[in-house]
Amino acid sequence: MQHHSLTHTPPSTSCIPELNRNVSPNGDPALDATVNMIAHELVELMTDPHNDAWRVGNSTTSEEISEWCMPPNATPEEWFGPNVQKLDSGASWNLQVNDTKWLIQSVWNPVAKKCVMSS
């Protein structure tokens, strides 16, 4: 009988935000970065399902609303919002769901004309 297992292949360290490169709120920087990336893509899927709307840009570039709120378009504070907090371990977080803390990036709000954590 052959056994199959699901293995966790972490994203490259370039996908892990510098704030949590060595330590994360949940003890697994790669997994926490994956949750952030899923949130990023989910927002874009909901706001731009056909890749023809909800874009922001300037005279030289146009990005989806999550990309616009990442470096080099955004400052580190804009990337994760002004409410980033630190645990005793040094891990950064800005969103709490029940007892679990996450570091989730902001997205462009076309009404506020800035990167925000909520609408």
Foldseek 3Di string as FASTA:
>chain_A
DDDDDDDDDFDPLVLQPPQDSPHAQVRDSRVLSVVQVVVLVVVQCVQPVPVPDCWDDDPPDIGHFLVCQDPPNHDPCSQQHVQWDADPVSHIFRDDDPHGTGRHTFTADPVVRGTDNDD
